[in-house]
Amino acid sequence: MQLKIKLFAMMRELQETDEIAVDISPGQTVGELREVIASHYPRLAPLLPAARLAASLKFVPDDYRLSQLEEVALVPPVSGG
């Protein structure tokens, strides 16, 4: 299945787009999705370990299993003060 992933902040700037797409198998985990993204989009790879992934508007852990119907967003690490 093809999964569209929204990008924000520096990830969007690095890819020069606000959305990427990857093919995954139904039921793959967020951790596996990170590996697929890193292999298809190497510019994002250094940011992926610290990035948070949201599915259906909720942050999810790496063992969360994805479905085709979910809206997925990749949120880079942020700092504040």
PDB file of N, CA and C in Angstrom:
ATOM      1  N   MET A   1       0.839  -1.180   0.000  1.00  0.00           N
ATOM      2  CA  MET A   1       0.000   0.000   0.000  1.00  0.00           C
ATOM      3  C   MET A   1       0.879   1.236   0.000  1.00  0.00           C
ATOM      4  N   GLN A   2       0.392   2.286  -0.618  1.00  0.00           N
ATOM      5  CA  GLN A   2       1.141   3.530  -0.621  1.00  0.00           C
ATOM      6  C   GLN A   2       0.653   4.399   0.529  1.00  0.00           C
ATOM      7  N   LEU A   3       1.600   4.909   1.282  1.00  0.00           N
ATOM      8  CA  LEU A   3       1.304   5.736   2.440  1.00  0.00           C
ATOM      9  C   LEU A   3       1.873   7.119   2.192  1.00  0.00           C
ATOM     10  N   LYS A   4       1.051   8.142   2.321  1.00  0.00           N
ATOM     11  CA  LYS A   4       1.509   9.519   2.186  1.00  0.00           C
ATOM     12  C   LYS A   4       1.840  10.043   3.579  1.00  0.00           C
ATOM     13  N   ILE A   5       2.968  10.740   3.662  1.00  0.00           N
ATOM     14  CA  ILE A   5       3.458  11.224   4.947  1.00  0.00           C
ATOM     15  C   ILE A   5       3.687  12.728   4.853  1.00  0.00           C
ATOM     16  N   LYS A   6       3.056  13.466   5.745  1.00  0.00           N
ATOM     17  CA  LYS A   6       3.224  14.918   5.777  1.00  0.00           C
ATOM     18  C   LYS A   6       4.509  15.262   6.511  1.00  0.00           C
ATOM     19  N   LEU A   7       5.211  16.264   5.996  1.00  0.00           N
ATOM     20  CA  LEU A   7       6.466  16.726   6.584  1.00  0.00           C
ATOM     21  C   LEU A   7       6.303  18.124   7.141  1.00  0.00           C
ATOM     22  N   PHE A   8       7.048  18.417   8.199  1.00  0.00           N
ATOM     23  CA  PHE A   8       6.984  19.724   8.823  1.00  0.00           C
ATOM     24  C   PHE A   8       8.386  20.277   9.069  1.00  0.00           C
ATOM     25  N   ALA A   9       8.456  21.599   9.203  1.00  0.00           N
ATOM     26  CA  ALA A   9       9.655  22.338   9.599  1.00  0.00           C
ATOM     27  C   ALA A   9      10.874  21.949   8.762  1.00  0.00           C
ATOM     28  N   MET A  10      11.987  21.610   9.430  1.00  0.00           N
ATOM     29  CA  MET A  10      13.236  21.352   8.704  1.00  0.00           C
ATOM     30  C   MET A  10      13.148  20.139   7.785  1.00  0.00           C
ATOM     31  N   MET A  11      12.278  19.194   8.087  1.00  0.00           N
ATOM     32  CA  MET A  11      12.120  18.038   7.196  1.00  0.00           C
ATOM     33  C   MET A  11      11.500  18.472   5.873  1.00  0.00           C
ATOM     34  N   ARG A  12      10.528  19.342   5.952  1.00  0.00           N
ATOM     35  CA  ARG A  12       9.912  19.882   4.738  1.00  0.00           C
ATOM     36  C   ARG A  12      10.940  20.673   3.939  1.00  0.00           C
ATOM     37  N   GLU A  13      11.760  21.447   4.620  1.00  0.00           N
ATOM     38  CA  GLU A  13      12.778  22.242   3.932  1.00  0.00           C
ATOM     39  C   GLU A  13      13.831  21.352   3.266  1.00  0.00           C
ATOM     40  N   LEU A  14      14.261  20.300   3.951  1.00  0.00           N
ATOM     41  CA  LEU A  14      15.258  19.390   3.375  1.00  0.00           C
ATOM     42  C   LEU A  14      14.749  18.695   2.115  1.00  0.00           C
ATOM     43  N   GLN A  15      13.501  18.291   2.123  1.00  0.00           N
ATOM     44  CA  GLN A  15      12.925  17.572   0.975  1.00  0.00           C
ATOM     45  C   GLN A  15      12.316  18.509  -0.061  1.00  0.00           C
ATOM     46  N   GLU A  16      12.153  19.776   0.299  1.00  0.00           N
ATOM     47  CA  GLU A  16      11.559  20.781  -0.583  1.00  0.00           C
ATOM     48  C   GLU A  16      10.151  20.397  -1.012  1.00  0.00           C
ATOM     49  N   THR A  17       9.426  19.761  -0.093  1.00  0.00           N
ATOM     50  CA  THR A  17       8.034  19.396  -0.314  1.00  0.00           C
ATOM     51  C   THR A  17       7.380  19.187   1.044  1.00  0.00           C
ATOM     52  N   ASP A  18       6.086  19.260   1.080  1.00  0.00           N
ATOM     53  CA  ASP A  18       5.396  19.061   2.361  1.00  0.00           C
ATOM     54  C   ASP A  18       4.817  17.654   2.505  1.00  0.00           C
ATOM     55  N   GLU A  19       5.075  16.788   1.510  1.00  0.00           N
ATOM     56  CA  GLU A  19       4.541  15.428   1.586  1.00  0.00           C
ATOM     57  C   GLU A  19       5.417  14.471   0.778  1.00  0.00           C
ATOM     58  N   ILE A  20       5.643  13.283   1.335  1.00  0.00           N
ATOM     59  CA  ILE A  20       6.345  12.224   0.619  1.00  0.00           C
ATOM     60  C   ILE A  20       5.443  10.994   0.597  1.00  0.00           C
ATOM     61  N   ALA A  21       5.787  10.021  -0.238  1.00  0.00           N
ATOM     62  CA  ALA A  21       5.007   8.780  -0.308  1.00  0.00           C
ATOM     63  C   ALA A  21       5.963   7.597  -0.319  1.00  0.00           C
ATOM     64  N   VAL A  22       5.566   6.545   0.385  1.00  0.00           N
ATOM     65  CA  VAL A  22       6.342   5.301   0.400  1.00  0.00           C
ATOM     66  C   VAL A  22       5.382   4.123   0.292  1.00  0.00           C
ATOM     67  N   ASP A  23       5.878   3.025  -0.226  1.00  0.00           N
ATOM     68  CA  ASP A  23       5.097   1.790  -0.283  1.00  0.00           C
ATOM     69  C   ASP A  23       5.474   0.921   0.902  1.00  0.00           C
ATOM     70  N   ILE A  24       4.467   0.487   1.647  1.00  0.00           N
ATOM     71  CA  ILE A  24       4.681  -0.417   2.769  1.00  0.00           C
ATOM     72  C   ILE A  24       3.640  -1.528   2.711  1.00  0.00           C
ATOM     73  N   SER A  25       3.906  -2.582   3.429  1.00  0.00           N
ATOM     74  CA  SER A  25       2.932  -3.669   3.542  1.00  0.00           C
ATOM     75  C   SER A  25       1.940  -3.327   4.643  1.00  0.00           C
ATOM     76  N   PRO A  26       0.671  -3.723   4.497  1.00  0.00           N
ATOM     77  CA  PRO A  26      -0.300  -3.476   5.565  1.00  0.00           C
ATOM     78  C   PRO A  26       0.192  -4.084   6.878  1.00  0.00           C
ATOM     79  N   GLY A  27       0.041  -3.344   7.947  1.00  0.00           N
ATOM     80  CA  GLY A  27       0.430  -3.836   9.257  1.00  0.00           C
ATOM     81  C   GLY A  27       1.876  -3.593   9.628  1.00  0.00           C
ATOM     82  N   GLN A  28       2.659  -2.939   8.752  1.00  0.00           N
ATOM     83  CA  GLN A  28       4.037  -2.628   9.125  1.00  0.00           C
ATOM     84  C   GLN A  28       4.032  -1.660  10.297  1.00  0.00           C
ATOM     85  N   THR A  29       5.095  -1.705  11.070  1.00  0.00           N
ATOM     86  CA  THR A  29       5.187  -0.847  12.241  1.00  0.00           C
ATOM     87  C   THR A  29       5.804   0.505  11.890  1.00  0.00           C
ATOM     88  N   VAL A  30       5.653   1.436  12.807  1.00  0.00           N
ATOM     89  CA  VAL A  30       6.264   2.751  12.654  1.00  0.00           C
ATOM     90  C   VAL A  30       7.784   2.613  12.565  1.00  0.00           C
ATOM     91  N   GLY A  31       8.367   1.730  13.362  1.00  0.00           N
ATOM     92  CA  GLY A  31       9.812   1.498  13.292  1.00  0.00           C
ATOM     93  C   GLY A  31      10.245   1.039  11.909  1.00  0.00           C
ATOM     94  N   GLU A  32       9.476   0.142  11.314  1.00  0.00           N
ATOM     95  CA  GLU A  32       9.784  -0.316   9.954  1.00  0.00           C
ATOM     96  C   GLU A  32       9.587   0.815   8.951  1.00  0.00           C
ATOM     97  N   LEU A  33       8.590   1.652   9.182  1.00  0.00           N
ATOM     98  CA  LEU A  33       8.362   2.803   8.304  1.00  0.00           C
ATOM     99  C   LEU A  33       9.559   3.747   8.346  1.00  0.00           C
ATOM    100  N   ARG A  34      10.134   3.961   9.522  1.00  0.00           N
ATOM    101  CA  ARG A  34      11.327   4.816   9.622  1.00  0.00           C
ATOM    102  C   ARG A  34      12.444   4.284   8.718  1.00  0.00           C
ATOM    103  N   GLU A  35      12.637   2.966   8.702  1.00  0.00           N
ATOM    104  CA  GLU A  35      13.675   2.359   7.861  1.00  0.00           C
ATOM    105  C   GLU A  35      13.384   2.586   6.378  1.00  0.00           C
ATOM    106  N   VAL A  36      12.122   2.443   5.986  1.00  0.00           N
ATOM    107  CA  VAL A  36      11.734   2.658   4.588  1.00  0.00           C
ATOM    108  C   VAL A  36      11.968   4.112   4.198  1.00  0.00           C
ATOM    109  N   ILE A  37      11.576   5.037   5.065  1.00  0.00           N
ATOM    110  CA  ILE A  37      11.783   6.460   4.776  1.00  0.00           C
ATOM    111  C   ILE A  37      13.271   6.748   4.620  1.00  0.00           C
ATOM    112  N   ALA A  38      14.097   6.234   5.528  1.00  0.00           N
ATOM    113  CA  ALA A  38      15.543   6.480   5.472  1.00  0.00           C
ATOM    114  C   ALA A  38      16.148   5.962   4.171  1.00  0.00           C
ATOM    115  N   SER A  39      15.674   4.812   3.698  1.00  0.00           N
ATOM    116  CA  SER A  39      16.250   4.257   2.469  1.00  0.00           C
ATOM    117  C   SER A  39      15.793   5.009   1.223  1.00  0.00           C
ATOM    118  N   HIS A  40      14.576   5.544   1.229  1.00  0.00           N
ATOM    119  CA  HIS A  40      14.061   6.259   0.062  1.00  0.00           C
ATOM    120  C   HIS A  40      14.357   7.765   0.090  1.00  0.00           C
ATOM    121  N   TYR A  41      14.553   8.295   1.266  1.00  0.00           N
ATOM    122  CA  TYR A  41      14.778   9.733   1.433  1.00  0.00           C
ATOM    123  C   TYR A  41      15.982   9.954   2.349  1.00  0.00           C
ATOM    124  N   PRO A  42      17.199   9.723   1.852  1.00  0.00           N
ATOM    125  CA  PRO A  42      18.400   9.772   2.699  1.00  0.00           C
ATOM    126  C   PRO A  42      18.645  11.117   3.375  1.00  0.00           C
ATOM    127  N   ARG A  43      18.155  12.196   2.806  1.00  0.00           N
ATOM    128  CA  ARG A  43      18.333  13.499   3.464  1.00  0.00           C
ATOM    129  C   ARG A  43      17.611  13.556   4.804  1.00  0.00           C
ATOM    130  N   LEU A  44      16.547  12.771   4.952  1.00  0.00           N
ATOM    131  CA  LEU A  44      15.789  12.759   6.204  1.00  0.00           C
ATOM    132  C   LEU A  44      16.373  11.799   7.237  1.00  0.00           C
ATOM    133  N   ALA A  45      17.202  10.862   6.790  1.00  0.00           N
ATOM    134  CA  ALA A  45      17.707   9.799   7.664  1.00  0.00           C
ATOM    135  C   ALA A  45      18.332  10.301   8.969  1.00  0.00           C
ATOM    136  N   PRO A  46      19.170  11.340   8.960  1.00  0.00           N
ATOM    137  CA  PRO A  46      19.775  11.778  10.219  1.00  0.00           C
ATOM    138  C   PRO A  46      18.758  12.301  11.244  1.00  0.00           C
ATOM    139  N   LEU A  47      17.620  12.772  10.791  1.00  0.00           N
ATOM    140  CA  LEU A  47      16.606  13.335  11.697  1.00  0.00           C
ATOM    141  C   LEU A  47      15.629  12.290  12.221  1.00  0.00           C
ATOM    142  N   LEU A  48      15.539  11.157  11.557  1.00  0.00           N
ATOM    143  CA  LEU A  48      14.513  10.164  11.905  1.00  0.00           C
ATOM    144  C   LEU A  48      14.599   9.599  13.320  1.00  0.00           C
ATOM    145  N   PRO A  49      15.792   9.328  13.867  1.00  0.00           N
ATOM    146  CA  PRO A  49      15.821   8.757  15.214  1.00  0.00           C
ATOM    147  C   PRO A  49      15.166   9.650  16.281  1.00  0.00           C
ATOM    148  N   ALA A  50      15.255  10.961  16.118  1.00  0.00           N
ATOM    149  CA  ALA A  50      14.685  11.879  17.110  1.00  0.00           C
ATOM    150  C   ALA A  50      13.302  12.401  16.724  1.00  0.00           C
ATOM    151  N   ALA A  51      12.847  12.074  15.520  1.00  0.00           N
ATOM    152  CA  ALA A  51      11.552  12.560  15.045  1.00  0.00           C
ATOM    153  C   ALA A  51      10.410  11.768  15.685  1.00  0.00           C
ATOM    154  N   ARG A  52       9.253  12.419  15.783  1.00  0.00           N
ATOM    155  CA  ARG A  52       8.048  11.749  16.269  1.00  0.00           C
ATOM    156  C   ARG A  52       7.146  11.501  15.076  1.00  0.00           C
ATOM    157  N   LEU A  53       6.422  10.413  15.122  1.00  0.00           N
ATOM    158  CA  LEU A  53       5.507  10.088  14.050  1.00  0.00           C
ATOM    159  C   LEU A  53       4.094  10.084  14.604  1.00  0.00           C
ATOM    160  N   ALA A  54       3.201  10.748  13.897  1.00  0.00           N
ATOM    161  CA  ALA A  54       1.800  10.792  14.293  1.00  0.00           C
ATOM    162  C   ALA A  54       0.974  10.044  13.257  1.00  0.00           C
ATOM    163  N   ALA A  55       0.025   9.263  13.729  1.00  0.00           N
ATOM    164  CA  ALA A  55      -0.919   8.560  12.861  1.00  0.00           C
ATOM    165  C   ALA A  55      -2.318   8.908  13.344  1.00  0.00           C
ATOM    166  N   SER A  56      -3.138   9.367  12.421  1.00  0.00           N
ATOM    167  CA  SER A  56      -4.507   9.780  12.760  1.00  0.00           C
ATOM    168  C   SER A  56      -4.517  10.791  13.900  1.00  0.00           C
ATOM    169  N   LEU A  57      -3.621  11.775  13.802  1.00  0.00           N
ATOM    170  CA  LEU A  57      -3.546  12.916  14.717  1.00  0.00           C
ATOM    171  C   LEU A  57      -3.091  12.592  16.130  1.00  0.00           C
ATOM    172  N   LYS A  58      -2.460  11.423  16.332  1.00  0.00           N
ATOM    173  CA  LYS A  58      -1.930  11.053  17.649  1.00  0.00           C
ATOM    174  C   LYS A  58      -0.494  10.571  17.480  1.00  0.00           C
ATOM    175  N   PHE A  59       0.391  10.992  18.401  1.00  0.00           N
ATOM    176  CA  PHE A  59       1.749  10.469  18.369  1.00  0.00           C
ATOM    177  C   PHE A  59       1.696   8.986  18.727  1.00  0.00           C
ATOM    178  N   VAL A  60       2.478   8.182  17.994  1.00  0.00           N
ATOM    179  CA  VAL A  60       2.451   6.733  18.180  1.00  0.00           C
ATOM    180  C   VAL A  60       3.877   6.204  18.368  1.00  0.00           C
ATOM    181  N   PRO A  61       4.029   5.087  19.111  1.00  0.00           N
ATOM    182  CA  PRO A  61       5.347   4.488  19.326  1.00  0.00           C
ATOM    183  C   PRO A  61       5.797   3.666  18.116  1.00  0.00           C
ATOM    184  N   ASP A  62       7.062   3.261  18.130  1.00  0.00           N
ATOM    185  CA  ASP A  62       7.631   2.515  17.005  1.00  0.00           C
ATOM    186  C   ASP A  62       6.990   1.146  16.792  1.00  0.00           C
ATOM    187  N   ASP A  63       6.326   0.578  17.792  1.00  0.00           N
ATOM    188  CA  ASP A  63       5.699  -0.736  17.608  1.00  0.00           C
ATOM    189  C   ASP A  63       4.244  -0.634  17.126  1.00  0.00           C
ATOM    190  N   TYR A  64       3.768   0.583  16.891  1.00  0.00           N
ATOM    191  CA  TYR A  64       2.403   0.795  16.387  1.00  0.00           C
ATOM    192  C   TYR A  64       2.298   0.284  14.952  1.00  0.00           C
ATOM    193  N   ARG A  65       1.237  -0.471  14.651  1.00  0.00           N
ATOM    194  CA  ARG A  65       1.020  -1.017  13.303  1.00  0.00           C
ATOM    195  C   ARG A  65       0.139  -0.052  12.501  1.00  0.00           C
ATOM    196  N   LEU A  66       0.593   0.254  11.298  1.00  0.00           N
ATOM    197  CA  LEU A  66      -0.073   1.234  10.443  1.00  0.00           C
ATOM    198  C   LEU A  66      -1.127   0.594   9.545  1.00  0.00           C
ATOM    199  N   SER A  67      -2.161   1.361   9.230  1.00  0.00           N
ATOM    200  CA  SER A  67      -3.152   0.935   8.248  1.00  0.00           C
ATOM    201  C   SER A  67      -3.200   1.970   7.126  1.00  0.00           C
ATOM    202  N   GLN A  68      -3.749   1.576   6.013  1.00  0.00           N
ATOM    203  CA  GLN A  68      -3.785   2.423   4.818  1.00  0.00           C
ATOM    204  C   GLN A  68      -4.637   3.676   5.024  1.00  0.00           C
ATOM    205  N   LEU A  69      -5.592   3.619   5.902  1.00  0.00           N
ATOM    206  CA  LEU A  69      -6.540   4.711   6.057  1.00  0.00           C
ATOM    207  C   LEU A  69      -6.034   5.853   6.928  1.00  0.00           C
ATOM    208  N   GLU A  70      -4.883   5.681   7.524  1.00  0.00           N
ATOM    209  CA  GLU A  70      -4.401   6.677   8.465  1.00  0.00           C
ATOM    210  C   GLU A  70      -3.682   7.830   7.788  1.00  0.00           C
ATOM    211  N   GLU A  71      -3.853   9.006   8.372  1.00  0.00           N
ATOM    212  CA  GLU A  71      -3.080  10.165   7.964  1.00  0.00           C
ATOM    213  C   GLU A  71      -1.817  10.148   8.814  1.00  0.00           C
ATOM    214  N   VAL A  72      -0.660  10.195   8.176  1.00  0.00           N
ATOM    215  CA  VAL A  72       0.610  10.069   8.882  1.00  0.00           C
ATOM    216  C   VAL A  72       1.405  11.360   8.741  1.00  0.00           C
ATOM    217  N   ALA A  73       2.032  11.791   9.838  1.00  0.00           N
ATOM    218  CA  ALA A  73       2.860  12.991   9.836  1.00  0.00           C
ATOM    219  C   ALA A  73       4.176  12.693  10.532  1.00  0.00           C
ATOM    220  N   LEU A  74       5.245  13.239  10.003  1.00  0.00           N
ATOM    221  CA  LEU A  74       6.574  13.088  10.568  1.00  0.00           C
ATOM    222  C   LEU A  74       6.975  14.445  11.137  1.00  0.00           C
ATOM    223  N   VAL A  75       7.187  14.492  12.442  1.00  0.00           N
ATOM    224  CA  VAL A  75       7.452  15.765  13.130  1.00  0.00           C
ATOM    225  C   VAL A  75       8.886  15.744  13.640  1.00  0.00           C
ATOM    226  N   PRO A  76       9.701  16.694  13.177  1.00  0.00           N
ATOM    227  CA  PRO A  76      11.096  16.711  13.595  1.00  0.00           C
ATOM    228  C   PRO A  76      11.225  17.121  15.056  1.00  0.00           C
ATOM    229  N   PRO A  77      12.400  16.875  15.642  1.00  0.00           N
ATOM    230  CA  PRO A  77      12.627  17.328  17.014  1.00  0.00           C
ATOM    231  C   PRO A  77      12.542  18.849  17.067  1.00  0.00           C
ATOM    232  N   VAL A  78      12.034  19.350  18.160  1.00  0.00           N
ATOM    233  CA  VAL A  78      11.902  20.792  18.327  1.00  0.00           C
ATOM    234  C   VAL A  78      12.586  21.205  19.621  1.00  0.00           C
ATOM    235  N   SER A  79      12.941  22.462  19.693  1.00  0.00           N
ATOM    236  CA  SER A  79      13.503  22.999  20.935  1.00  0.00           C
ATOM    237  C   SER A  79      12.746  24.258  21.274  1.00  0.00           C
ATOM    238  N   GLY A  80      12.762  24.594  22.473  1.00  0.00           N
ATOM    239  CA  GLY A  80      12.056  25.799  22.913  1.00  0.00           C
ATOM    240  C   GLY A  80      12.751  26.382  24.119  1.00  0.00           C
ATOM    241  N   GLY A  81      12.203  27.425  24.588  1.00  0.00           N
ATOM    242  CA  GLY A  81      12.850  28.021  25.744  1.00  0.00           C
ATOM    243  C   GLY A  81      11.982  29.014  26.410  1.00  0.00           C
TER     244      GLY A  81
END
